[in-house]
Amino acid sequence: MAMQYIDVTGKTEAEAVEKALGQLGLERDDVSVEILERAKSGFLGLGSSPAKVRVTYETAEEDPAPAPREIPEEKEVSPQRVEKQEAPRGERRRERKPREKREQPGEKKAEQQRAAVPAAAPVDLGEEAGDEKAQQIRTFLTGLLEHMDSAAAIKIYQPEKDRYKVYLEGEKMGQLIGRRGETLDAIQQLTNYAVNRDRDKRVRIHVDAENYREKREQSLEHLARKVAAKVVKYRKSVTLEPMNAYERHVIHTALQDVEHVTTFSTGTEPNRRVVVSYEK
């Protein structure tokens, strides 16, 4: 196997990464990303510049794939400029048929993977909790979900003393999970604050939806092992995408006993990242 990379630009770092993945037909876990230039908005559209990232991936040495060309940032054309671009005299204007949208290389693969993922099975941890704290949790979440226009069912369990696990079940759980679980984290923080406010003895409340946290943890552990293997093979550090404190903890824990690999965090919230580094 050999390492290759492409440099791609986009209005944002995320857009540039998506362009690269679509061009390569790969998933985010299959590549490592290095930000070369961050996007700048400028002032009133002046002085703005696109983001530029370098996406590194593996290819077979015996049949290396040609390095794709860099995708230029789309440029906006002003109406005044369009008016000046008149067709030459005597040239007949032909009506152009709209081009059919081509399917990106990564779209079909991503769709197949989504279809292959089975629906999350209902959580069954025995009898639901019905004590005073559980009632407070249920009352708060019911009101919060009403404000969020969600009809999710609330299941509350108490696996151990002073610790509660809450599962939200129903349709359209994506709006409660949010991008990378940000909405779910906010719901959990609000619930902990509301129930523990003005109380000396605090309880821990864990909120999940469609087993998102367990699946996310498994995905992060898989990513950690994959990146660690590349770090050991090429003896080169890899910086992961920004993660919250919980996700960074999963990466650190997954690699704490891996030989020749060390991890540390760098940057400031919300762009704090884990660096996986080679250690002799």
Protein backbone atom coordinates (compact mmCIF):
# COMPACT_ATOMS: atom_id res chain seq x y z
CA MET A 1 0.00 0.00 0.00
CA ALA A 2 1.11 3.56 -0.73
CA MET A 3 -0.10 6.88 0.59
CA GLN A 4 -1.41 9.53 -1.79
CA TYR A 5 -3.18 12.82 -1.24
CA ILE A 6 -5.24 15.46 -2.98
CA ASP A 7 -5.58 19.17 -2.17
CA VAL A 8 -9.15 20.45 -2.39
CA THR A 9 -10.73 23.85 -1.83
CA GLY A 10 -14.21 24.79 -0.65
CA LYS A 11 -16.15 27.63 0.90
CA THR A 12 -15.66 25.90 4.26
CA GLU A 13 -13.36 23.16 5.56
CA ALA A 14 -16.31 20.74 5.76
CA GLU A 15 -17.32 21.46 2.15
CA ALA A 16 -13.78 20.88 0.93
CA VAL A 17 -13.63 17.51 2.74
CA GLU A 18 -17.00 16.48 1.27
CA LYS A 19 -15.78 17.36 -2.23
CA ALA A 20 -12.69 15.21 -1.77
CA LEU A 21 -14.66 12.24 -0.42
CA GLY A 22 -17.11 12.50 -3.30
CA GLN A 23 -14.27 12.57 -5.83
CA LEU A 24 -12.44 9.63 -4.25
CA GLY A 25 -15.54 7.57 -3.46
CA LEU A 26 -14.31 7.05 0.10
CA GLU A 27 -15.77 7.49 3.58
CA ARG A 28 -14.46 9.89 6.25
CA ASP A 29 -12.90 7.02 8.24
CA ASP A 30 -10.87 5.98 5.16
CA VAL A 31 -8.84 9.18 5.00
CA SER A 32 -6.90 11.62 7.15
CA VAL A 33 -7.44 15.35 6.74
CA GLU A 34 -4.96 18.21 7.15
CA ILE A 35 -6.21 21.79 6.95
CA LEU A 36 -3.82 23.81 4.80
CA GLU A 37 -5.76 27.09 4.76
CA ARG A 38 -8.84 28.10 6.72
CA ALA A 39 -11.70 29.92 5.03
CA LYS A 40 -11.81 33.71 5.40
CA SER A 41 -15.07 35.58 5.00
CA GLY A 42 -13.53 39.02 4.46
CA PHE A 43 -15.51 42.22 4.77
CA LEU A 44 -18.64 42.65 2.64
CA GLY A 45 -17.39 39.88 0.41
CA LEU A 46 -14.02 41.54 -0.20
CA GLY A 47 -10.81 39.80 0.68
CA SER A 48 -12.52 36.45 1.22
CA SER A 49 -10.65 33.24 0.49
CA PRO A 50 -11.70 29.56 0.39
CA ALA A 51 -10.62 26.81 2.72
CA LYS A 52 -7.99 24.35 1.49
CA VAL A 53 -7.50 20.84 2.85
CA ARG A 54 -5.18 17.94 2.09
CA VAL A 55 -6.87 14.53 2.12
CA THR A 56 -4.52 11.55 2.42
CA TYR A 57 -5.59 8.02 1.46
CA GLU A 58 -4.09 4.59 0.73
CA THR A 59 -3.70 3.04 -2.72
CA ALA A 60 -2.18 -0.20 -3.96
CA GLU A 61 1.45 0.26 -5.02
CA GLU A 62 1.14 -2.06 -7.99
CA ASP A 63 -1.80 -0.15 -9.44
CA PRO A 64 -1.65 3.38 -8.15
CA ALA A 65 -4.63 5.56 -8.87
CA PRO A 66 -3.85 8.80 -10.68
CA ALA A 67 -3.88 11.76 -8.37
CA PRO A 68 -7.16 13.65 -8.96
CA ARG A 69 -6.90 17.28 -9.89
CA GLU A 70 -7.57 19.92 -7.30
CA ILE A 71 -11.19 21.04 -7.33
CA PRO A 72 -11.29 24.83 -7.70
CA GLU A 73 -13.61 26.91 -5.56
CA GLU A 74 -16.78 27.93 -7.39
CA LYS A 75 -16.74 31.61 -8.29
CA GLU A 76 -19.80 33.81 -8.29
CA VAL A 77 -20.38 35.85 -11.44
CA SER A 78 -21.91 39.30 -11.03
CA PRO A 79 -25.02 40.22 -13.09
CA GLN A 80 -23.12 43.17 -14.65
CA ARG A 81 -20.48 40.81 -16.00
CA VAL A 82 -23.09 38.50 -17.48
CA GLU A 83 -24.68 41.40 -19.41
CA LYS A 84 -21.34 42.28 -21.03
CA GLN A 85 -20.74 38.72 -22.26
CA GLU A 86 -22.87 39.08 -25.40
CA ALA A 87 -22.66 36.59 -28.24
CA PRO A 88 -20.70 37.74 -31.34
CA ARG A 89 -22.73 39.17 -34.22
CA GLY A 90 -23.97 36.66 -36.76
CA GLU A 91 -23.56 33.75 -34.38
CA ARG A 92 -26.78 31.87 -33.89
CA ARG A 93 -27.68 31.22 -30.31
CA ARG A 94 -28.56 27.64 -29.70
CA GLU A 95 -30.75 26.54 -26.90
CA ARG A 96 -28.72 24.39 -24.53
CA LYS A 97 -30.28 21.37 -22.95
CA PRO A 98 -29.77 21.14 -19.20
CA ARG A 99 -27.22 18.55 -18.25
CA GLU A 100 -28.32 15.62 -16.19
CA LYS A 101 -26.91 15.61 -12.70
CA ARG A 102 -24.17 13.04 -12.43
CA GLU A 103 -24.09 10.82 -9.41
CA GLN A 104 -21.00 11.48 -7.31
CA PRO A 105 -18.70 8.47 -6.81
CA GLY A 106 -19.30 8.43 -3.07
CA GLU A 107 -23.10 8.91 -3.14
CA LYS A 108 -24.01 5.40 -4.25
CA LYS A 109 -21.61 3.81 -1.75
CA ALA A 110 -22.91 5.93 1.13
CA GLU A 111 -26.53 5.13 0.21
CA GLN A 112 -25.78 1.39 0.14
CA GLN A 113 -24.12 1.57 3.55
CA ARG A 114 -27.07 3.46 5.05
CA ALA A 115 -29.46 0.84 3.67
CA ALA A 116 -27.34 -1.94 5.15
CA VAL A 117 -27.49 -0.53 8.68
CA PRO A 118 -30.36 -2.21 10.58
CA ALA A 119 -32.83 -0.10 12.53
CA ALA A 120 -32.00 0.26 16.20
CA ALA A 121 -33.80 -2.29 18.35
CA PRO A 122 -35.89 -0.99 21.27
CA VAL A 123 -33.88 -0.80 24.47
CA ASP A 124 -34.94 -3.21 27.20
CA LEU A 125 -33.14 -2.85 30.54
CA GLY A 126 -35.88 -4.42 32.63
CA GLU A 127 -38.41 -2.47 34.65
CA GLU A 128 -38.41 1.31 34.28
CA ALA A 129 -37.55 3.51 37.26
CA GLY A 130 -40.45 5.24 38.97
CA ASP A 131 -38.93 7.02 41.96
CA GLU A 132 -39.03 10.78 42.61
CA LYS A 133 -35.91 11.56 40.56
CA ALA A 134 -37.21 9.55 37.61
CA GLN A 135 -40.47 11.49 37.74
CA GLN A 136 -38.56 14.79 37.73
CA ILE A 137 -36.54 13.65 34.73
CA ARG A 138 -39.69 12.59 32.87
CA THR A 139 -41.53 15.84 33.66
CA PHE A 140 -38.66 18.03 32.48
CA LEU A 141 -38.00 16.05 29.29
CA THR A 142 -41.70 15.91 28.40
CA GLY A 143 -41.90 19.71 28.49
CA LEU A 144 -38.62 20.12 26.63
CA LEU A 145 -39.62 17.72 23.84
CA GLU A 146 -42.96 19.49 23.44
CA HIS A 147 -41.09 22.73 22.80
CA MET A 148 -38.96 20.87 20.24
CA ASP A 149 -42.12 19.54 18.56
CA SER A 150 -41.06 15.95 19.19
CA ALA A 151 -43.34 13.07 20.17
CA ALA A 152 -40.49 10.79 21.29
CA ALA A 153 -41.26 8.20 23.98
CA ILE A 154 -39.22 8.51 27.19
CA LYS A 155 -37.87 5.41 28.94
CA ILE A 156 -35.97 5.81 32.22
CA TYR A 157 -33.88 3.14 33.96
CA GLN A 158 -31.68 3.13 37.04
CA PRO A 159 -28.77 0.72 36.48
CA GLU A 160 -27.13 1.78 39.77
CA LYS A 161 -27.66 4.17 42.65
CA ASP A 162 -27.65 7.88 41.74
CA ARG A 163 -27.31 7.05 38.04
CA TYR A 164 -30.12 7.11 35.47
CA LYS A 165 -30.16 6.11 31.81
CA VAL A 166 -32.78 7.77 29.61
CA TYR A 167 -33.67 6.46 26.15
CA LEU A 168 -35.68 8.48 23.63
CA GLU A 169 -37.51 6.38 21.07
CA GLY A 170 -39.74 7.18 18.11
CA GLU A 171 -39.60 8.55 14.59
CA LYS A 172 -37.32 11.31 13.27
CA MET A 173 -34.77 10.94 16.03
CA GLY A 174 -32.20 12.72 13.88
CA GLN A 175 -33.47 16.13 15.02
CA LEU A 176 -32.91 15.12 18.66
CA ILE A 177 -29.42 13.76 17.97
CA GLY A 178 -28.19 16.63 15.81
CA ARG A 179 -24.89 16.97 14.01
CA ARG A 180 -22.33 14.71 15.71
CA GLY A 181 -24.71 14.41 18.69
CA GLU A 182 -24.58 18.12 19.60
CA THR A 183 -28.35 18.41 20.18
CA LEU A 184 -28.39 15.22 22.25
CA ASP A 185 -25.51 16.57 24.37
CA ALA A 186 -27.46 19.79 24.97
CA ILE A 187 -30.58 17.84 26.03
CA GLN A 188 -28.47 15.79 28.47
CA GLN A 189 -26.81 18.89 29.96
CA LEU A 190 -30.13 20.70 30.39
CA THR A 191 -31.70 17.66 32.05
CA ASN A 192 -28.81 17.26 34.49
CA TYR A 193 -28.95 20.95 35.35
CA ALA A 194 -32.73 21.01 35.85
CA VAL A 195 -32.85 17.92 38.07
CA ASN A 196 -29.72 18.67 40.12
CA ARG A 197 -30.32 22.40 40.56
CA ASP A 198 -30.22 23.53 44.22
CA ARG A 199 -29.55 19.99 45.47
CA ASP A 200 -26.61 18.86 47.58
CA LYS A 201 -26.71 15.26 46.38
CA ARG A 202 -26.38 15.08 42.63
CA VAL A 203 -27.37 12.27 40.30
CA ARG A 204 -25.88 11.43 36.90
CA ILE A 205 -28.31 11.38 33.99
CA HIS A 206 -27.30 9.79 30.68
CA VAL A 207 -29.57 10.58 27.70
CA ASP A 208 -29.44 8.57 24.47
CA ALA A 209 -31.52 8.18 21.30
CA GLU A 210 -31.49 5.16 18.99
CA ASN A 211 -28.36 3.89 20.76
CA TYR A 212 -26.48 6.76 19.11
CA ARG A 213 -23.83 7.03 21.82
CA GLU A 214 -22.98 3.33 21.75
CA LYS A 215 -22.75 3.29 17.96
CA ARG A 216 -20.72 6.52 17.94
CA GLU A 217 -18.33 5.06 20.50
CA GLN A 218 -17.83 1.93 18.38
CA SER A 219 -17.21 4.10 15.32
CA LEU A 220 -14.63 6.20 17.17
CA GLU A 221 -12.83 3.11 18.48
CA HIS A 222 -12.67 1.74 14.93
CA LEU A 223 -11.30 5.07 13.68
CA ALA A 224 -8.72 5.15 16.48
CA ARG A 225 -7.38 1.67 15.66
CA LYS A 226 -7.25 2.47 11.95
CA VAL A 227 -5.38 5.72 12.46
CA ALA A 228 -3.00 4.10 14.97
CA ALA A 229 -2.08 1.44 12.40
CA LYS A 230 -1.20 4.17 9.87
CA VAL A 231 0.81 6.09 12.46
CA VAL A 232 2.90 3.01 13.33
CA LYS A 233 3.33 2.03 9.68
CA TYR A 234 4.43 5.43 8.41
CA ARG A 235 5.78 6.85 11.71
CA LYS A 236 3.88 10.06 11.10
CA SER A 237 1.46 11.89 13.41
CA VAL A 238 -2.19 12.27 12.40
CA THR A 239 -4.51 15.01 13.66
CA LEU A 240 -8.19 14.05 13.85
CA GLU A 241 -11.19 16.27 13.24
CA PRO A 242 -12.51 18.45 16.10
CA MET A 243 -14.28 16.44 18.82
CA ASN A 244 -16.01 17.16 22.10
CA ALA A 245 -14.53 16.06 25.44
CA TYR A 246 -16.43 12.75 25.52
CA GLU A 247 -15.31 11.75 22.00
CA ARG A 248 -11.70 12.70 22.71
CA HIS A 249 -11.84 10.55 25.85
CA VAL A 250 -12.98 7.57 23.76
CA ILE A 251 -9.99 7.99 21.40
CA HIS A 252 -7.49 8.35 24.27
CA THR A 253 -8.89 5.29 26.05
CA ALA A 254 -8.94 3.15 22.90
CA LEU A 255 -5.24 3.80 22.22
CA GLN A 256 -3.80 4.02 25.73
CA ASP A 257 -2.32 0.51 25.57
CA VAL A 258 -1.28 0.50 21.89
CA GLU A 259 2.47 0.05 21.51
CA HIS A 260 4.45 2.88 19.84
CA VAL A 261 1.41 5.18 19.89
CA THR A 262 0.66 8.15 22.12
CA THR A 263 -2.22 10.62 22.03
CA PHE A 264 -2.73 14.19 23.20
CA SER A 265 -5.22 16.99 22.59
CA THR A 266 -4.46 20.34 21.00
CA GLY A 267 -6.37 23.53 20.23
CA THR A 268 -9.25 25.23 22.03
CA GLU A 269 -12.95 24.45 22.17
CA PRO A 270 -14.93 23.91 20.03
CA ASN A 271 -12.05 23.05 17.67
CA ARG A 272 -10.01 20.94 20.08
CA ARG A 273 -8.55 17.88 18.34
CA VAL A 274 -6.80 14.64 19.21
CA VAL A 275 -3.31 14.07 17.78
CA VAL A 276 -2.23 10.44 17.34
CA SER A 277 1.58 10.40 17.38
CA TYR A 278 4.31 7.80 16.86
CA GLU A 279 6.41 6.97 19.92
CA LYS A 280 9.60 4.92 19.73
